[in-house]
Amino acid sequence: MRLNFSVLRLAVVASLLSAAVASPTAYAQGAGKGASGLPLPRFVSLKSKRVNIRIGPSADYAVSWMYTRLGLPMEVIQEYENWRRVRDAEGTEGWVNQALLSGDRTALAAPWMREKGKDVYVNLRKEPQSSAQIIAKLEPGVIMHIRQCNGDWCQAKTEGVEGWVNQGEIWGAYPGEAFK
């Protein structure tokens, strides 16, 4: 019996897609590891200004979306060979070649607040505390580079300004996650 390569590929992808995907809260409880040896899920960023997201883990699959923001944070939720299944801040998922991803940590300022209207900001503070001086007001969706997080606050830099942002007001670090 001869198997059609396309049918075999679809079967492999279907089994990958049906695999349980760890939830973001699993990170704090001890995330699993992917084939790369790196934790799943985890945050990365886009290494290129133009990145195609595909419906399956191969260049043979159709492009479902194109991202055009260098440094955009993405969450890796699954691995297959040199492909990574990623999720963006809005929940869109797809596959991207690992060569287009960077381990540099970035985050978005409260993307869920975009729809709240004008005069909604995320405060960048001089020190990691609520009473610290506000040094910048970031509009929702602004990309920032994250240097470290202590579980409550993240040291971030954007547009030449560096300070601390409340970890609960960004998408790009898990609640309670600490790293340097």
N, C-alpha and C. Protein backbone atom coordinates (compact mmCIF):
# COMPACT_ATOMS: atom_id res chain seq x y z
N MET A 1 0.85 -1.18 0.00
CA MET A 1 0.00 0.00 0.00
C MET A 1 0.89 1.24 0.00
N ARG A 2 0.60 2.16 -0.87
CA ARG A 2 1.40 3.37 -1.02
C ARG A 2 0.67 4.55 -0.36
N LEU A 3 1.37 5.26 0.52
CA LEU A 3 0.77 6.42 1.17
C LEU A 3 1.11 7.69 0.41
N ASN A 4 0.14 8.52 0.26
CA ASN A 4 0.35 9.83 -0.34
C ASN A 4 1.10 10.69 0.67
N PHE A 5 2.20 11.35 0.23
CA PHE A 5 3.02 12.18 1.12
C PHE A 5 2.18 13.28 1.78
N SER A 6 1.26 13.87 1.04
CA SER A 6 0.42 14.94 1.59
C SER A 6 -0.47 14.42 2.71
N VAL A 7 -1.00 13.21 2.53
CA VAL A 7 -1.85 12.62 3.56
C VAL A 7 -1.03 12.31 4.81
N LEU A 8 0.20 11.79 4.59
CA LEU A 8 1.07 11.50 5.72
C LEU A 8 1.43 12.79 6.47
N ARG A 9 1.75 13.86 5.74
CA ARG A 9 2.08 15.13 6.36
C ARG A 9 0.89 15.66 7.15
N LEU A 10 -0.31 15.56 6.59
CA LEU A 10 -1.50 16.01 7.29
C LEU A 10 -1.71 15.21 8.58
N ALA A 11 -1.43 13.92 8.53
CA ALA A 11 -1.58 13.09 9.72
C ALA A 11 -0.60 13.51 10.80
N VAL A 12 0.64 13.80 10.40
CA VAL A 12 1.65 14.25 11.37
C VAL A 12 1.23 15.57 11.98
N VAL A 13 0.82 16.52 11.13
CA VAL A 13 0.41 17.83 11.63
C VAL A 13 -0.81 17.70 12.53
N ALA A 14 -1.77 16.88 12.14
CA ALA A 14 -2.97 16.71 12.96
C ALA A 14 -2.61 16.17 14.33
N SER A 15 -1.67 15.22 14.39
CA SER A 15 -1.29 14.70 15.70
C SER A 15 -0.56 15.76 16.52
N LEU A 16 0.25 16.58 15.84
CA LEU A 16 0.95 17.66 16.55
C LEU A 16 -0.04 18.69 17.08
N LEU A 17 -1.00 19.04 16.24
CA LEU A 17 -1.96 20.07 16.62
C LEU A 17 -2.89 19.60 17.72
N SER A 18 -3.13 18.29 17.79
CA SER A 18 -4.03 17.79 18.82
C SER A 18 -3.32 17.57 20.15
N ALA A 19 -1.98 17.66 20.14
CA ALA A 19 -1.23 17.50 21.39
C ALA A 19 -1.62 18.61 22.36
N ALA A 20 -1.63 18.29 23.60
CA ALA A 20 -1.97 19.31 24.60
C ALA A 20 -0.92 20.39 24.61
N VAL A 21 -1.38 21.65 24.63
CA VAL A 21 -0.48 22.80 24.68
C VAL A 21 -0.50 23.34 26.09
N ALA A 22 0.68 23.53 26.67
CA ALA A 22 0.77 24.03 28.05
C ALA A 22 0.17 25.43 28.15
N SER A 23 -0.48 25.70 29.27
CA SER A 23 -1.07 27.03 29.47
C SER A 23 0.00 27.97 30.01
N PRO A 24 -0.18 29.30 29.85
CA PRO A 24 0.79 30.25 30.38
C PRO A 24 1.04 30.09 31.87
N THR A 25 0.03 29.67 32.63
CA THR A 25 0.23 29.53 34.06
C THR A 25 1.13 28.34 34.38
N ALA A 26 1.29 27.42 33.42
CA ALA A 26 2.17 26.28 33.64
C ALA A 26 3.61 26.73 33.78
N TYR A 27 3.95 27.87 33.23
CA TYR A 27 5.33 28.34 33.29
C TYR A 27 5.78 28.49 34.74
N ALA A 28 4.98 29.13 35.53
CA ALA A 28 5.35 29.37 36.92
C ALA A 28 5.41 28.06 37.71
N GLN A 29 4.67 27.04 37.26
CA GLN A 29 4.62 25.77 37.97
C GLN A 29 5.67 24.78 37.46
N GLY A 30 6.51 25.20 36.52
CA GLY A 30 7.52 24.31 35.97
C GLY A 30 7.11 23.84 34.60
N ALA A 31 7.42 24.62 33.61
CA ALA A 31 7.02 24.33 32.25
C ALA A 31 7.71 23.08 31.74
N GLY A 32 7.11 22.47 30.73
CA GLY A 32 7.75 21.35 30.07
C GLY A 32 8.85 21.85 29.15
N LYS A 33 9.54 20.92 28.55
CA LYS A 33 10.60 21.29 27.62
C LYS A 33 10.26 20.76 26.24
N GLY A 34 10.62 21.54 25.22
CA GLY A 34 10.43 21.11 23.85
C GLY A 34 11.61 20.28 23.39
N ALA A 35 11.57 19.85 22.15
CA ALA A 35 12.65 19.05 21.56
C ALA A 35 13.97 19.82 21.58
N SER A 36 13.91 21.14 21.57
CA SER A 36 15.12 21.97 21.59
C SER A 36 15.77 21.98 22.97
N GLY A 37 15.07 21.49 23.98
CA GLY A 37 15.57 21.55 25.34
C GLY A 37 15.17 22.83 26.06
N LEU A 38 14.51 23.73 25.35
CA LEU A 38 14.06 25.00 25.93
C LEU A 38 12.64 24.83 26.48
N PRO A 39 12.27 25.67 27.45
CA PRO A 39 10.94 25.54 28.06
C PRO A 39 9.80 25.82 27.08
N LEU A 40 8.70 25.15 27.31
CA LEU A 40 7.44 25.41 26.60
C LEU A 40 6.37 25.62 27.64
N PRO A 41 5.58 26.65 27.54
CA PRO A 41 5.71 27.76 26.60
C PRO A 41 6.84 28.70 27.02
N ARG A 42 7.22 29.61 26.10
CA ARG A 42 8.23 30.63 26.39
C ARG A 42 8.02 31.80 25.45
N PHE A 43 8.54 32.95 25.85
CA PHE A 43 8.45 34.14 25.01
C PHE A 43 9.73 34.34 24.22
N VAL A 44 9.57 34.77 22.97
CA VAL A 44 10.66 35.12 22.07
C VAL A 44 10.23 36.39 21.34
N SER A 45 11.02 36.82 20.38
CA SER A 45 10.63 37.97 19.57
C SER A 45 10.95 37.71 18.11
N LEU A 46 10.32 38.47 17.23
CA LEU A 46 10.57 38.32 15.80
C LEU A 46 11.89 38.97 15.44
N LYS A 47 12.71 38.23 14.71
CA LYS A 47 14.05 38.68 14.34
C LYS A 47 14.06 39.50 13.06
N SER A 48 13.00 39.46 12.32
CA SER A 48 12.94 40.11 11.02
C SER A 48 11.74 41.06 10.96
N LYS A 49 11.81 41.99 10.02
CA LYS A 49 10.73 42.96 9.83
C LYS A 49 9.53 42.33 9.11
N ARG A 50 9.78 41.25 8.38
CA ARG A 50 8.70 40.55 7.67
C ARG A 50 8.81 39.06 7.99
N VAL A 51 7.79 38.54 8.66
CA VAL A 51 7.78 37.13 9.05
C VAL A 51 6.45 36.51 8.66
N ASN A 52 6.52 35.43 7.87
CA ASN A 52 5.33 34.69 7.48
C ASN A 52 4.98 33.67 8.55
N ILE A 53 3.71 33.61 8.88
CA ILE A 53 3.19 32.57 9.77
C ILE A 53 2.43 31.60 8.86
N ARG A 54 2.73 30.32 9.02
CA ARG A 54 2.15 29.29 8.15
C ARG A 54 1.16 28.41 8.92
N ILE A 55 0.33 27.71 8.16
CA ILE A 55 -0.68 26.86 8.80
C ILE A 55 -0.11 25.52 9.26
N GLY A 56 1.11 25.21 8.83
CA GLY A 56 1.76 23.97 9.25
C GLY A 56 3.26 24.16 9.33
N PRO A 57 3.98 23.17 9.90
CA PRO A 57 5.41 23.30 10.13
C PRO A 57 6.29 22.96 8.93
N SER A 58 6.16 23.73 7.85
CA SER A 58 6.99 23.54 6.66
C SER A 58 6.72 24.71 5.71
N ALA A 59 7.71 25.02 4.89
CA ALA A 59 7.53 26.08 3.89
C ALA A 59 6.54 25.66 2.81
N ASP A 60 6.18 24.38 2.79
CA ASP A 60 5.18 23.88 1.83
C ASP A 60 3.76 24.29 2.22
N TYR A 61 3.57 24.69 3.45
CA TYR A 61 2.23 25.08 3.91
C TYR A 61 1.94 26.53 3.56
N ALA A 62 0.68 26.82 3.42
CA ALA A 62 0.24 28.17 3.06
C ALA A 62 0.56 29.18 4.16
N VAL A 63 0.81 30.39 3.74
CA VAL A 63 1.01 31.50 4.67
C VAL A 63 -0.36 31.98 5.11
N SER A 64 -0.57 32.05 6.43
CA SER A 64 -1.86 32.51 6.94
C SER A 64 -1.80 33.98 7.39
N TRP A 65 -0.58 34.47 7.64
CA TRP A 65 -0.45 35.84 8.15
C TRP A 65 0.98 36.29 7.95
N MET A 66 1.17 37.61 7.79
CA MET A 66 2.52 38.15 7.74
C MET A 66 2.64 39.25 8.79
N TYR A 67 3.66 39.12 9.63
CA TYR A 67 3.95 40.15 10.64
C TYR A 67 4.98 41.09 10.06
N THR A 68 4.82 42.38 10.34
CA THR A 68 5.73 43.40 9.80
C THR A 68 6.31 44.29 10.90
N ARG A 69 6.41 43.77 12.11
CA ARG A 69 6.98 44.54 13.23
C ARG A 69 8.17 43.80 13.81
N LEU A 70 9.36 44.27 13.52
CA LEU A 70 10.58 43.74 14.09
C LEU A 70 10.51 43.81 15.61
N GLY A 71 10.89 42.72 16.27
CA GLY A 71 10.90 42.71 17.73
C GLY A 71 9.58 42.38 18.39
N LEU A 72 8.55 42.11 17.62
CA LEU A 72 7.24 41.78 18.19
C LEU A 72 7.36 40.53 19.06
N PRO A 73 6.87 40.58 20.30
CA PRO A 73 6.94 39.38 21.14
C PRO A 73 5.97 38.30 20.65
N MET A 74 6.41 37.06 20.75
CA MET A 74 5.60 35.90 20.39
C MET A 74 5.80 34.86 21.48
N GLU A 75 4.80 34.03 21.67
CA GLU A 75 4.88 32.95 22.63
C GLU A 75 5.04 31.64 21.87
N VAL A 76 6.12 30.91 22.12
CA VAL A 76 6.32 29.60 21.51
C VAL A 76 5.54 28.60 22.34
N ILE A 77 4.62 27.87 21.67
CA ILE A 77 3.78 26.93 22.40
C ILE A 77 4.00 25.48 21.98
N GLN A 78 4.75 25.29 20.88
CA GLN A 78 5.00 23.93 20.39
C GLN A 78 6.21 23.95 19.49
N GLU A 79 6.91 22.81 19.37
CA GLU A 79 8.07 22.69 18.50
C GLU A 79 7.93 21.45 17.62
N TYR A 80 8.39 21.57 16.39
CA TYR A 80 8.47 20.43 15.49
C TYR A 80 9.67 20.66 14.57
N GLU A 81 10.71 19.86 14.75
CA GLU A 81 11.97 20.04 14.03
C GLU A 81 12.43 21.49 14.16
N ASN A 82 12.65 22.20 13.05
CA ASN A 82 13.11 23.59 13.16
C ASN A 82 11.97 24.59 13.02
N TRP A 83 10.76 24.15 13.30
CA TRP A 83 9.58 25.01 13.25
C TRP A 83 9.03 25.20 14.65
N ARG A 84 8.48 26.39 14.89
CA ARG A 84 7.89 26.72 16.17
C ARG A 84 6.47 27.20 15.98
N ARG A 85 5.56 26.62 16.73
CA ARG A 85 4.19 27.11 16.73
C ARG A 85 4.14 28.26 17.72
N VAL A 86 3.71 29.41 17.24
CA VAL A 86 3.72 30.62 18.05
C VAL A 86 2.31 31.19 18.18
N ARG A 87 2.17 32.03 19.20
CA ARG A 87 0.92 32.73 19.46
C ARG A 87 1.26 34.20 19.69
N ASP A 88 0.47 35.09 19.10
CA ASP A 88 0.69 36.53 19.34
C ASP A 88 -0.21 37.02 20.47
N ALA A 89 -0.11 38.29 20.79
CA ALA A 89 -0.85 38.87 21.91
C ALA A 89 -2.36 38.83 21.70
N GLU A 90 -2.81 38.71 20.46
CA GLU A 90 -4.24 38.66 20.17
C GLU A 90 -4.76 37.23 20.09
N GLY A 91 -3.86 36.24 20.25
CA GLY A 91 -4.27 34.85 20.22
C GLY A 91 -4.12 34.15 18.88
N THR A 92 -3.65 34.87 17.86
CA THR A 92 -3.43 34.25 16.55
C THR A 92 -2.26 33.27 16.65
N GLU A 93 -2.45 32.07 16.10
CA GLU A 93 -1.42 31.04 16.15
C GLU A 93 -1.02 30.60 14.76
N GLY A 94 0.22 30.14 14.65
CA GLY A 94 0.72 29.59 13.40
C GLY A 94 2.15 29.14 13.58
N TRP A 95 2.74 28.67 12.48
CA TRP A 95 4.08 28.10 12.51
C TRP A 95 5.08 29.04 11.84
N VAL A 96 6.26 29.15 12.44
CA VAL A 96 7.33 29.99 11.91
C VAL A 96 8.65 29.24 12.04
N ASN A 97 9.54 29.44 11.08
CA ASN A 97 10.85 28.82 11.14
C ASN A 97 11.64 29.45 12.28
N GLN A 98 12.33 28.62 13.05
CA GLN A 98 13.08 29.12 14.22
C GLN A 98 14.12 30.17 13.87
N ALA A 99 14.62 30.17 12.62
CA ALA A 99 15.63 31.15 12.21
C ALA A 99 15.08 32.58 12.22
N LEU A 100 13.76 32.73 12.23
CA LEU A 100 13.14 34.05 12.23
C LEU A 100 12.78 34.53 13.63
N LEU A 101 13.17 33.74 14.64
CA LEU A 101 12.86 34.08 16.02
C LEU A 101 14.14 34.36 16.79
N SER A 102 14.05 35.25 17.76
CA SER A 102 15.18 35.62 18.59
C SER A 102 14.84 35.34 20.05
N GLY A 103 15.84 34.99 20.83
CA GLY A 103 15.65 34.81 22.27
C GLY A 103 15.59 36.12 23.02
N ASP A 104 15.80 37.24 22.32
CA ASP A 104 15.71 38.55 22.96
C ASP A 104 14.28 38.75 23.47
N ARG A 105 14.17 39.19 24.70
CA ARG A 105 12.85 39.37 25.30
C ARG A 105 12.32 40.77 25.02
N THR A 106 11.14 40.81 24.47
CA THR A 106 10.42 42.05 24.26
C THR A 106 9.03 41.88 24.85
N ALA A 107 8.31 42.97 24.97
CA ALA A 107 6.95 42.91 25.49
C ALA A 107 6.13 44.03 24.87
N LEU A 108 4.83 43.86 24.90
CA LEU A 108 3.90 44.90 24.47
C LEU A 108 3.28 45.53 25.71
N ALA A 109 3.19 46.83 25.71
CA ALA A 109 2.48 47.54 26.77
C ALA A 109 0.99 47.24 26.61
N ALA A 110 0.43 46.59 27.58
CA ALA A 110 -1.01 46.29 27.71
C ALA A 110 -1.80 46.31 26.40
N PRO A 111 -1.57 45.36 25.50
CA PRO A 111 -2.32 45.38 24.23
C PRO A 111 -3.83 45.26 24.41
N TRP A 112 -4.27 44.68 25.50
CA TRP A 112 -5.71 44.53 25.77
C TRP A 112 -6.37 45.87 26.09
N MET A 113 -5.58 46.92 26.30
CA MET A 113 -6.14 48.24 26.61
C MET A 113 -6.31 49.12 25.37
N ARG A 114 -5.94 48.62 24.19
CA ARG A 114 -6.03 49.42 22.95
C ARG A 114 -7.44 49.94 22.69
N GLU A 115 -8.42 49.15 23.03
CA GLU A 115 -9.81 49.49 22.73
C GLU A 115 -10.44 50.42 23.77
N LYS A 116 -9.72 50.75 24.81
CA LYS A 116 -10.29 51.54 25.90
C LYS A 116 -10.36 53.03 25.59
N GLY A 117 -9.79 53.47 24.48
CA GLY A 117 -9.87 54.87 24.11
C GLY A 117 -8.61 55.65 24.43
N LYS A 118 -8.73 56.97 24.29
CA LYS A 118 -7.59 57.86 24.54
C LYS A 118 -7.29 57.96 26.03
N ASP A 119 -6.12 58.49 26.31
CA ASP A 119 -5.68 58.74 27.68
C ASP A 119 -5.56 57.48 28.53
N VAL A 120 -5.26 56.34 27.88
CA VAL A 120 -5.00 55.09 28.59
C VAL A 120 -3.52 54.78 28.37
N TYR A 121 -2.77 54.67 29.45
CA TYR A 121 -1.32 54.48 29.34
C TYR A 121 -0.82 53.44 30.33
N VAL A 122 0.38 52.93 30.03
CA VAL A 122 1.13 52.09 30.96
C VAL A 122 2.29 52.95 31.43
N ASN A 123 2.46 53.06 32.73
CA ASN A 123 3.50 53.91 33.29
C ASN A 123 4.85 53.20 33.34
N LEU A 124 5.87 53.88 32.83
CA LEU A 124 7.25 53.43 32.96
C LEU A 124 7.82 54.24 34.11
N ARG A 125 8.29 53.55 35.14
CA ARG A 125 8.71 54.23 36.37
C ARG A 125 10.23 54.16 36.57
N LYS A 126 10.74 55.09 37.37
CA LYS A 126 12.18 55.18 37.62
C LYS A 126 12.69 53.99 38.43
N GLU A 127 11.88 53.50 39.35
CA GLU A 127 12.23 52.38 40.24
C GLU A 127 11.10 51.34 40.18
N PRO A 128 11.38 50.10 40.59
CA PRO A 128 10.35 49.04 40.55
C PRO A 128 9.39 49.10 41.75
N GLN A 129 8.62 50.18 41.80
CA GLN A 129 7.60 50.32 42.85
C GLN A 129 6.52 51.30 42.39
N SER A 130 5.32 51.09 42.86
CA SER A 130 4.16 51.90 42.44
C SER A 130 4.30 53.37 42.77
N SER A 131 5.04 53.69 43.82
CA SER A 131 5.17 55.09 44.23
C SER A 131 6.32 55.81 43.52
N ALA A 132 7.09 55.10 42.69
CA ALA A 132 8.24 55.70 42.00
C ALA A 132 7.78 56.70 40.94
N GLN A 133 8.68 57.62 40.64
CA GLN A 133 8.42 58.66 39.64
C GLN A 133 8.12 58.04 38.28
N ILE A 134 7.09 58.57 37.61
CA ILE A 134 6.75 58.14 36.25
C ILE A 134 7.68 58.89 35.29
N ILE A 135 8.42 58.13 34.47
CA ILE A 135 9.35 58.76 33.54
C ILE A 135 8.83 58.73 32.10
N ALA A 136 7.81 57.89 31.84
CA ALA A 136 7.19 57.86 30.52
C ALA A 136 5.81 57.22 30.63
N LYS A 137 4.92 57.64 29.75
CA LYS A 137 3.60 57.03 29.64
C LYS A 137 3.55 56.35 28.29
N LEU A 138 3.38 55.03 28.30
CA LEU A 138 3.40 54.23 27.08
C LEU A 138 1.99 53.92 26.61
N GLU A 139 1.74 54.16 25.34
CA GLU A 139 0.45 53.80 24.77
C GLU A 139 0.35 52.27 24.66
N PRO A 140 -0.84 51.72 24.80
CA PRO A 140 -1.01 50.28 24.62
C PRO A 140 -0.48 49.84 23.26
N GLY A 141 0.27 48.73 23.25
CA GLY A 141 0.82 48.19 22.01
C GLY A 141 2.26 48.59 21.73
N VAL A 142 2.82 49.52 22.52
CA VAL A 142 4.21 49.91 22.33
C VAL A 142 5.11 48.71 22.64
N ILE A 143 6.10 48.45 21.77
CA ILE A 143 7.07 47.38 22.00
C ILE A 143 8.21 47.91 22.86
N MET A 144 8.58 47.13 23.86
CA MET A 144 9.72 47.49 24.70
C MET A 144 10.65 46.29 24.82
N HIS A 145 11.93 46.55 24.99
CA HIS A 145 12.91 45.50 25.22
C HIS A 145 13.00 45.27 26.72
N ILE A 146 12.90 44.01 27.12
CA ILE A 146 12.92 43.66 28.54
C ILE A 146 14.32 43.18 28.92
N ARG A 147 14.90 43.82 29.91
CA ARG A 147 16.24 43.44 30.38
C ARG A 147 16.15 42.38 31.48
N GLN A 148 15.18 42.54 32.37
CA GLN A 148 15.00 41.59 33.47
C GLN A 148 13.61 41.77 34.07
N CYS A 149 13.15 40.73 34.76
CA CYS A 149 11.90 40.80 35.52
C CYS A 149 12.15 40.16 36.87
N ASN A 150 11.51 40.70 37.91
CA ASN A 150 11.69 40.15 39.26
C ASN A 150 10.45 39.42 39.76
N GLY A 151 9.46 39.24 38.91
CA GLY A 151 8.22 38.59 39.31
C GLY A 151 7.07 39.57 39.48
N ASP A 152 7.40 40.83 39.74
CA ASP A 152 6.40 41.89 39.88
C ASP A 152 6.64 43.04 38.91
N TRP A 153 7.90 43.33 38.64
CA TRP A 153 8.29 44.45 37.80
C TRP A 153 9.31 43.99 36.76
N CYS A 154 9.28 44.64 35.60
CA CYS A 154 10.26 44.36 34.55
C CYS A 154 11.00 45.64 34.19
N GLN A 155 12.32 45.51 34.04
CA GLN A 155 13.13 46.63 33.59
C GLN A 155 13.04 46.65 32.07
N ALA A 156 12.60 47.77 31.52
CA ALA A 156 12.30 47.85 30.10
C ALA A 156 12.90 49.10 29.48
N LYS A 157 13.14 49.01 28.18
CA LYS A 157 13.66 50.15 27.44
C LYS A 157 12.87 50.28 26.14
N THR A 158 12.47 51.51 25.83
CA THR A 158 11.79 51.78 24.58
C THR A 158 12.06 53.23 24.17
N GLU A 159 12.29 53.43 22.91
CA GLU A 159 12.53 54.79 22.39
C GLU A 159 13.58 55.55 23.20
N GLY A 160 14.62 54.86 23.65
CA GLY A 160 15.70 55.51 24.38
C GLY A 160 15.42 55.81 25.84
N VAL A 161 14.26 55.41 26.34
CA VAL A 161 13.90 55.64 27.73
C VAL A 161 13.91 54.30 28.44
N GLU A 162 14.55 54.24 29.61
CA GLU A 162 14.63 53.00 30.36
C GLU A 162 14.07 53.19 31.75
N GLY A 163 13.29 52.20 32.20
CA GLY A 163 12.69 52.25 33.52
C GLY A 163 12.06 50.92 33.87
N TRP A 164 11.10 50.95 34.75
CA TRP A 164 10.43 49.75 35.25
C TRP A 164 8.94 49.81 34.97
N VAL A 165 8.39 48.69 34.54
CA VAL A 165 6.97 48.59 34.24
C VAL A 165 6.38 47.44 35.06
N ASN A 166 5.17 47.63 35.53
CA ASN A 166 4.48 46.58 36.28
C ASN A 166 4.31 45.37 35.37
N GLN A 167 4.72 44.21 35.85
CA GLN A 167 4.68 42.99 35.04
C GLN A 167 3.27 42.62 34.62
N GLY A 168 2.28 43.01 35.39
CA GLY A 168 0.89 42.72 35.04
C GLY A 168 0.34 43.61 33.93
N GLU A 169 1.11 44.60 33.48
CA GLU A 169 0.67 45.53 32.45
C GLU A 169 1.38 45.31 31.11
N ILE A 170 2.02 44.15 30.96
CA ILE A 170 2.70 43.85 29.70
C ILE A 170 2.33 42.46 29.21
N TRP A 171 2.50 42.26 27.91
CA TRP A 171 2.38 40.92 27.33
C TRP A 171 3.77 40.58 26.80
N GLY A 172 4.41 39.61 27.43
CA GLY A 172 5.76 39.22 27.04
C GLY A 172 6.53 38.63 28.21
N ALA A 173 5.91 38.56 29.38
CA ALA A 173 6.46 37.90 30.56
C ALA A 173 5.29 37.28 31.32
N TYR A 174 5.50 36.08 31.82
CA TYR A 174 4.44 35.40 32.56
C TYR A 174 4.28 35.98 33.96
N PRO A 175 3.08 35.90 34.53
CA PRO A 175 2.88 36.37 35.90
C PRO A 175 3.83 35.64 36.84
N GLY A 176 4.57 36.39 37.63
CA GLY A 176 5.49 35.80 38.60
C GLY A 176 6.83 35.36 38.02
N GLU A 177 7.00 35.46 36.71
CA GLU A 177 8.26 35.02 36.09
C GLU A 177 9.39 35.98 36.46
N ALA A 178 10.52 35.42 36.84
CA ALA A 178 11.70 36.23 37.15
C ALA A 178 12.87 35.74 36.30
N PHE A 179 13.61 36.67 35.72
CA PHE A 179 14.79 36.33 34.92
C PHE A 179 15.68 37.55 34.81
N LYS A 180 16.96 37.31 34.50
CA LYS A 180 17.92 38.39 34.26
C LYS A 180 18.56 38.18 32.92
